[in-house]
């Protein structure tokens, strides 16, 4: 860990990003049979990428929650324009990514302006669900929209990611303050954001994904419910896996199910080992 402490284990359940697991594993110490399985699995994971990511803007407002409650509930989706994104999010974005080196900064900003004006936003106001989640007389708002990791990555490589994020923040604020919540214009105290790059950096989620693997012709994990019990196995005898990265399509229910399946298999393996060692007659041995 960050204090250079090493932890030993008999059985491990890995519930995080699978690319990370396969990137940090020392394959030189593996048995030959395990190494073959490891190489095959790793190849499949590295060919694939994470699914949807999101950009979230957090806004602090010097206004009591009641002002916001009179306008909308604490969680809703909002589309400022009936026009919709059309080809802006897919066709134009794909062209922008494929020809990024040929695009000027003004061209990218012009695309960003339309992308923010015509998008659909997920808006959450936690204090409307729990009064203790904001100081008295103040309100916090979370404004999110689906975002493409690759665009942020290319702009970071180009060296102007801070400028891009600031422009995106300001455009989102203009859209929301110019429509559903005009009181933000004068009452905003501060704001900050979390991008796909932030998600990847903070929690190690490949491509900043919040939904597991992107849909491809060939998935690197189990994607049929009748085989869901196999989704928790890894090439390593004492490591099981669980969460949004081990089954596709991902989601909270499957994350819970794979967690239960992995835990059951780890417990079963522990009991078998205890039985083989003759410690099953000692109840305390099964709890240590």
Protein backbone atom coordinates (compact mmCIF):
# COMPACT_ATOMS: atom_id res chain seq x y z
CA UNK A 1 0.00 0.00 0.00
CA UNK A 2 1.07 3.67 0.15
CA UNK A 3 3.06 2.88 3.31
CA UNK A 4 4.86 0.00 1.59
CA UNK A 5 3.07 -2.54 3.77
CA UNK A 6 2.66 -5.97 2.13
CA UNK A 7 -0.45 -8.03 2.85
CA UNK A 8 -0.59 -11.79 2.43
CA UNK A 9 -3.77 -13.71 1.65
CA UNK A 10 -5.06 -17.22 1.08
CA UNK A 11 -7.95 -16.14 -1.18
CA UNK A 12 -8.43 -12.75 -2.81
CA UNK A 13 -11.53 -11.27 -4.48
CA UNK A 14 -10.54 -8.59 -7.01
CA UNK A 15 -13.46 -6.18 -7.54
CA UNK A 16 -11.65 -3.45 -9.45
CA UNK A 17 -10.48 -2.80 -13.02
CA UNK A 18 -9.25 -5.99 -14.72
CA UNK A 19 -6.65 -4.25 -16.89
CA UNK A 20 -5.07 -2.99 -13.69
CA UNK A 21 -4.92 -6.49 -12.22
CA UNK A 22 -3.21 -7.89 -15.29
CA UNK A 23 -0.81 -4.94 -15.55
CA UNK A 24 0.45 -5.19 -11.98
CA UNK A 25 0.80 -8.98 -11.83
CA UNK A 26 4.32 -10.46 -11.93
CA UNK A 27 3.98 -13.22 -14.48
CA UNK A 28 7.57 -14.39 -14.10
CA UNK A 29 6.68 -16.04 -10.81
CA UNK A 30 3.73 -17.97 -12.28
CA UNK A 31 3.58 -21.66 -12.99
CA UNK A 32 3.78 -22.37 -16.78
CA UNK A 33 0.10 -23.46 -17.00
CA UNK A 34 -1.06 -20.36 -15.14
CA UNK A 35 1.10 -18.13 -17.33
CA UNK A 36 -0.54 -19.46 -20.53
CA UNK A 37 -4.02 -18.72 -19.15
CA UNK A 38 -2.84 -15.32 -17.92
CA UNK A 39 -1.40 -14.34 -21.32
CA UNK A 40 -4.59 -15.36 -23.15
CA UNK A 41 -6.83 -13.44 -20.74
CA UNK A 42 -4.60 -10.35 -20.73
CA UNK A 43 -4.56 -10.19 -24.54
CA UNK A 44 -8.36 -10.15 -24.60
CA UNK A 45 -8.60 -7.41 -21.98
CA UNK A 46 -6.04 -5.12 -23.59
CA UNK A 47 -7.82 -5.30 -26.96
CA UNK A 48 -11.02 -3.99 -25.41
CA UNK A 49 -11.86 -0.69 -23.74
CA UNK A 50 -14.18 0.61 -21.09
CA UNK A 51 -17.69 1.77 -21.90
CA UNK A 52 -19.45 5.05 -21.15
CA UNK A 53 -17.77 7.71 -19.10
CA UNK A 54 -19.12 10.92 -17.64
CA UNK A 55 -18.21 14.53 -16.94
CA UNK A 56 -19.64 15.87 -13.68
CA UNK A 57 -19.79 19.49 -12.57
CA UNK A 58 -20.25 20.19 -8.86
CA UNK A 59 -21.72 23.59 -8.06
CA UNK A 60 -21.98 25.29 -4.65
CA UNK A 61 -24.87 27.77 -4.49
CA UNK A 62 -25.70 30.37 -1.84
CA UNK A 63 -29.41 29.61 -1.97
CA UNK A 64 -31.63 27.45 0.30
CA UNK A 65 -32.79 24.04 -1.01
CA UNK A 66 -36.42 25.18 -1.03
CA UNK A 67 -35.73 27.42 -4.04
CA UNK A 68 -34.61 24.40 -6.02
CA UNK A 69 -37.34 22.13 -4.70
CA UNK A 70 -39.95 24.50 -6.13
CA UNK A 71 -38.49 23.99 -9.61
CA UNK A 72 -37.68 20.26 -9.77
CA UNK A 73 -37.10 17.14 -7.72
CA UNK A 74 -33.71 16.13 -6.33
CA UNK A 75 -32.80 13.93 -9.29
CA UNK A 76 -33.91 14.31 -12.91
CA UNK A 77 -32.78 14.38 -16.54
CA UNK A 78 -33.01 17.66 -18.37
CA UNK A 79 -32.71 18.52 -22.07
CA UNK A 80 -32.66 22.30 -22.63
CA UNK A 81 -33.44 22.08 -26.37
CA UNK A 82 -35.92 19.97 -28.33
CA UNK A 83 -33.48 19.89 -31.23
CA UNK A 84 -31.33 17.16 -29.68
CA UNK A 85 -27.75 16.22 -30.44
CA UNK A 86 -28.36 14.54 -33.79
CA UNK A 87 -24.99 13.61 -35.31
CA UNK A 88 -23.01 15.87 -32.94
CA UNK A 89 -22.27 13.13 -30.42
CA UNK A 90 -21.44 10.30 -32.82
CA UNK A 91 -20.66 11.18 -36.43
CA UNK A 92 -19.11 14.59 -35.76
CA UNK A 93 -17.31 13.36 -32.64
CA UNK A 94 -15.88 10.37 -34.55
CA UNK A 95 -14.64 12.73 -37.27
CA UNK A 96 -13.13 15.01 -34.64
CA UNK A 97 -11.27 12.10 -33.00
CA UNK A 98 -10.06 10.57 -36.27
CA UNK A 99 -8.80 13.92 -37.59
CA UNK A 100 -7.86 15.55 -34.30
CA UNK A 101 -4.45 16.75 -35.51
CA UNK A 102 -6.13 18.59 -38.37
CA UNK A 103 -8.71 20.32 -36.17
CA UNK A 104 -8.04 23.81 -34.83
CA UNK A 105 -8.88 24.81 -31.28
CA UNK A 106 -11.71 27.14 -32.47
CA UNK A 107 -13.25 24.23 -34.42
CA UNK A 108 -13.19 22.03 -31.32
CA UNK A 109 -14.69 24.80 -29.21
CA UNK A 110 -17.45 25.37 -31.76
CA UNK A 111 -18.30 21.66 -31.56
CA UNK A 112 -18.19 21.85 -27.76
CA UNK A 113 -20.61 24.77 -27.77
CA UNK A 114 -23.23 22.80 -29.72
CA UNK A 115 -22.52 19.65 -27.70
CA UNK A 116 -23.34 21.43 -24.43
CA UNK A 117 -26.34 23.43 -25.71
CA UNK A 118 -28.14 20.40 -27.16
CA UNK A 119 -27.18 17.70 -24.69
CA UNK A 120 -29.19 15.94 -21.98
CA UNK A 121 -28.03 16.49 -18.41
CA UNK A 122 -28.47 14.37 -15.32
CA UNK A 123 -29.00 16.75 -12.41
CA UNK A 124 -28.81 15.70 -8.78
CA UNK A 125 -29.37 17.81 -5.67
CA UNK A 126 -28.43 15.59 -2.71
CA UNK A 127 -29.65 18.00 -0.02
CA UNK A 128 -33.23 17.55 -1.24
CA UNK A 129 -32.94 13.90 -0.20
CA UNK A 130 -30.98 14.49 3.01
CA UNK A 131 -30.97 17.97 4.70
CA UNK A 132 -27.60 17.24 6.33
CA UNK A 133 -25.80 17.13 2.97
CA UNK A 134 -25.41 20.92 2.74
CA UNK A 135 -24.85 23.81 5.19
CA UNK A 136 -27.97 25.75 6.22
CA UNK A 137 -29.18 28.09 3.49
CA UNK A 138 -26.90 26.60 0.83
CA UNK A 139 -27.30 23.98 -1.90
CA UNK A 140 -24.97 21.70 -3.82
CA UNK A 141 -25.80 20.62 -7.38
CA UNK A 142 -24.23 17.81 -9.43
CA UNK A 143 -24.64 18.23 -13.19
CA UNK A 144 -23.45 15.32 -15.36
CA UNK A 145 -23.37 14.35 -19.01
CA UNK A 146 -21.95 11.40 -20.94
CA UNK A 147 -18.44 12.15 -22.23
CA UNK A 148 -15.90 10.52 -24.51
CA UNK A 149 -12.65 9.58 -22.74
CA UNK A 150 -10.62 9.63 -25.93
CA UNK A 151 -11.39 13.28 -26.58
CA UNK A 152 -10.10 14.29 -23.15
CA UNK A 153 -7.03 12.08 -23.63
CA UNK A 154 -6.17 13.66 -26.98
CA UNK A 155 -6.60 17.19 -25.64
CA UNK A 156 -4.43 16.36 -22.63
CA UNK A 157 -1.73 15.09 -25.00
CA UNK A 158 -2.07 18.31 -26.99
CA UNK A 159 -1.34 20.26 -23.81
CA UNK A 160 -4.50 22.30 -23.23
CA UNK A 161 -6.69 20.06 -21.08
CA UNK A 162 -7.07 22.65 -18.27
CA UNK A 163 -8.36 25.23 -20.75
CA UNK A 164 -10.75 22.71 -22.29
CA UNK A 165 -12.17 21.63 -18.92
CA UNK A 166 -12.63 25.25 -17.86
CA UNK A 167 -14.49 26.01 -21.10
CA UNK A 168 -16.67 22.93 -20.64
CA UNK A 169 -17.50 23.95 -17.07
CA UNK A 170 -18.45 27.47 -18.12
CA UNK A 171 -20.60 26.29 -21.02
CA UNK A 172 -22.51 23.86 -18.78
CA UNK A 173 -23.07 26.63 -16.23
CA UNK A 174 -24.35 28.96 -18.96
CA UNK A 175 -26.78 26.34 -20.26
CA UNK A 176 -28.22 25.40 -16.86
CA UNK A 177 -28.31 28.98 -15.55
CA UNK A 178 -29.94 30.08 -18.79
CA UNK A 179 -32.74 27.58 -18.50
CA UNK A 180 -33.84 25.47 -15.55
CA UNK A 181 -31.93 27.23 -12.73
CA UNK A 182 -31.42 30.95 -13.56
CA UNK A 183 -30.68 31.71 -9.89
CA UNK A 184 -27.25 30.07 -10.31
CA UNK A 185 -26.02 33.14 -12.21
CA UNK A 186 -25.89 35.39 -9.15
CA UNK A 187 -25.85 32.86 -6.31
CA UNK A 188 -23.00 30.52 -7.34
CA UNK A 189 -20.22 30.36 -4.73
CA UNK A 190 -17.79 27.97 -6.38
CA UNK A 191 -17.59 24.97 -8.68
CA UNK A 192 -15.26 22.12 -9.63
CA UNK A 193 -15.49 19.13 -11.98
CA UNK A 194 -14.57 15.48 -12.45
CA UNK A 195 -13.75 14.24 -15.96
CA UNK A 196 -13.19 10.78 -17.49
CA UNK A 197 -9.47 11.38 -16.89
CA UNK A 198 -10.23 12.10 -13.22
CA UNK A 199 -12.20 8.86 -12.89
CA UNK A 200 -9.38 6.85 -14.46
CA UNK A 201 -6.79 8.50 -12.22
CA UNK A 202 -8.77 8.33 -8.96
CA UNK A 203 -10.20 4.81 -9.11
CA UNK A 204 -8.14 3.12 -11.83
CA UNK A 205 -11.13 2.54 -14.10
CA UNK A 206 -9.92 1.99 -17.69
CA UNK A 207 -10.95 4.81 -20.01
CA UNK A 208 -12.81 6.35 -17.05
CA UNK A 209 -15.61 3.84 -17.61
CA UNK A 210 -18.62 3.77 -15.30
CA UNK A 211 -20.37 0.85 -17.02
CA UNK A 212 -17.72 -1.83 -17.44
CA UNK A 213 -16.70 -2.91 -20.94
CA UNK A 214 -17.77 -1.20 -24.15
CA UNK A 215 -19.90 -3.39 -26.41
CA UNK A 216 -17.75 -5.07 -29.04
CA UNK A 217 -18.13 -8.05 -31.37
CA UNK A 218 -16.07 -10.17 -29.00
CA UNK A 219 -16.32 -9.51 -25.28
CA UNK A 220 -13.36 -10.36 -23.00
CA UNK A 221 -15.67 -11.57 -20.22
CA UNK A 222 -18.74 -13.78 -19.77
CA UNK A 223 -21.83 -12.25 -21.42
CA UNK A 224 -24.45 -14.98 -21.09
CA UNK A 225 -26.50 -15.27 -17.91
CA UNK A 226 -26.47 -19.08 -17.95
CA UNK A 227 -22.68 -18.95 -17.56
CA UNK A 228 -22.62 -16.19 -14.95
CA UNK A 229 -21.12 -18.52 -12.31
CA UNK A 230 -18.00 -18.79 -14.49
CA UNK A 231 -17.51 -15.03 -14.56
CA UNK A 232 -15.73 -14.98 -11.19
CA UNK A 233 -12.82 -17.24 -12.15
CA UNK A 234 -9.33 -15.97 -13.02
CA UNK A 235 -6.20 -17.83 -14.21
CA UNK A 236 -4.95 -17.65 -10.63
CA UNK A 237 -6.09 -20.50 -8.33
CA UNK A 238 -6.58 -18.29 -5.28
CA UNK A 239 -7.92 -15.12 -6.91
CA UNK A 240 -11.58 -14.59 -7.81
CA UNK A 241 -13.07 -11.55 -9.51
CA UNK A 242 -16.32 -9.62 -9.11
CA UNK A 243 -17.98 -6.34 -10.10
CA UNK A 244 -18.80 -4.45 -13.28
CA UNK A 245 -15.71 -5.64 -15.17
CA UNK A 246 -16.33 -9.41 -14.97
CA UNK A 247 -19.68 -9.66 -16.79
CA UNK A 248 -21.28 -7.84 -19.71
CA UNK A 249 -23.63 -6.02 -19.76
CA UNK A 250 -22.60 -4.59 -16.42
CA UNK A 251 -24.81 -3.09 -13.75
CA UNK A 252 -25.46 -2.98 -10.03
CA UNK A 253 -27.45 -6.28 -9.94
CA UNK A 254 -24.70 -8.23 -11.73
CA UNK A 255 -22.02 -6.60 -9.57
CA UNK A 256 -23.89 -7.80 -6.47
CA UNK A 257 -24.43 -11.27 -7.95
CA UNK A 258 -20.80 -11.75 -8.96
CA UNK A 259 -19.71 -10.53 -5.52
CA UNK A 260 -21.88 -13.20 -3.90
CA UNK A 261 -20.66 -15.88 -6.32
CA UNK A 262 -17.01 -14.98 -5.73
CA UNK A 263 -17.48 -14.93 -1.95
CA UNK A 264 -19.18 -18.34 -2.00
CA UNK A 265 -16.37 -19.87 -4.04
CA UNK A 266 -13.68 -18.35 -1.82
CA UNK A 267 -15.41 -19.70 1.30
CA UNK A 268 -15.86 -23.10 -0.30
CA UNK A 269 -12.19 -23.22 -1.26
CA UNK A 270 -11.18 -22.22 2.26
CA UNK A 271 -13.29 -24.99 3.77
CA UNK A 272 -11.81 -27.57 1.38
CA UNK A 273 -8.31 -26.53 2.36
CA UNK A 274 -9.19 -26.70 6.05
CA UNK A 275 -10.68 -30.15 5.56
CA UNK A 276 -7.61 -31.40 3.73
CA UNK A 277 -5.39 -30.14 6.53
CA UNK A 278 -7.57 -31.83 9.12
CA UNK A 279 -8.60 -28.57 10.76
CA UNK A 280 -12.30 -28.97 10.01
CA UNK A 281 -12.69 -30.42 13.49
CA UNK A 282 -11.60 -27.07 14.88
CA UNK A 283 -14.41 -24.52 14.28
CA UNK A 284 -12.07 -21.64 15.07
CA UNK A 285 -9.84 -22.57 12.13
CA UNK A 286 -12.61 -21.73 9.65
CA UNK A 287 -12.89 -18.17 10.98
CA UNK A 288 -9.19 -17.28 10.93
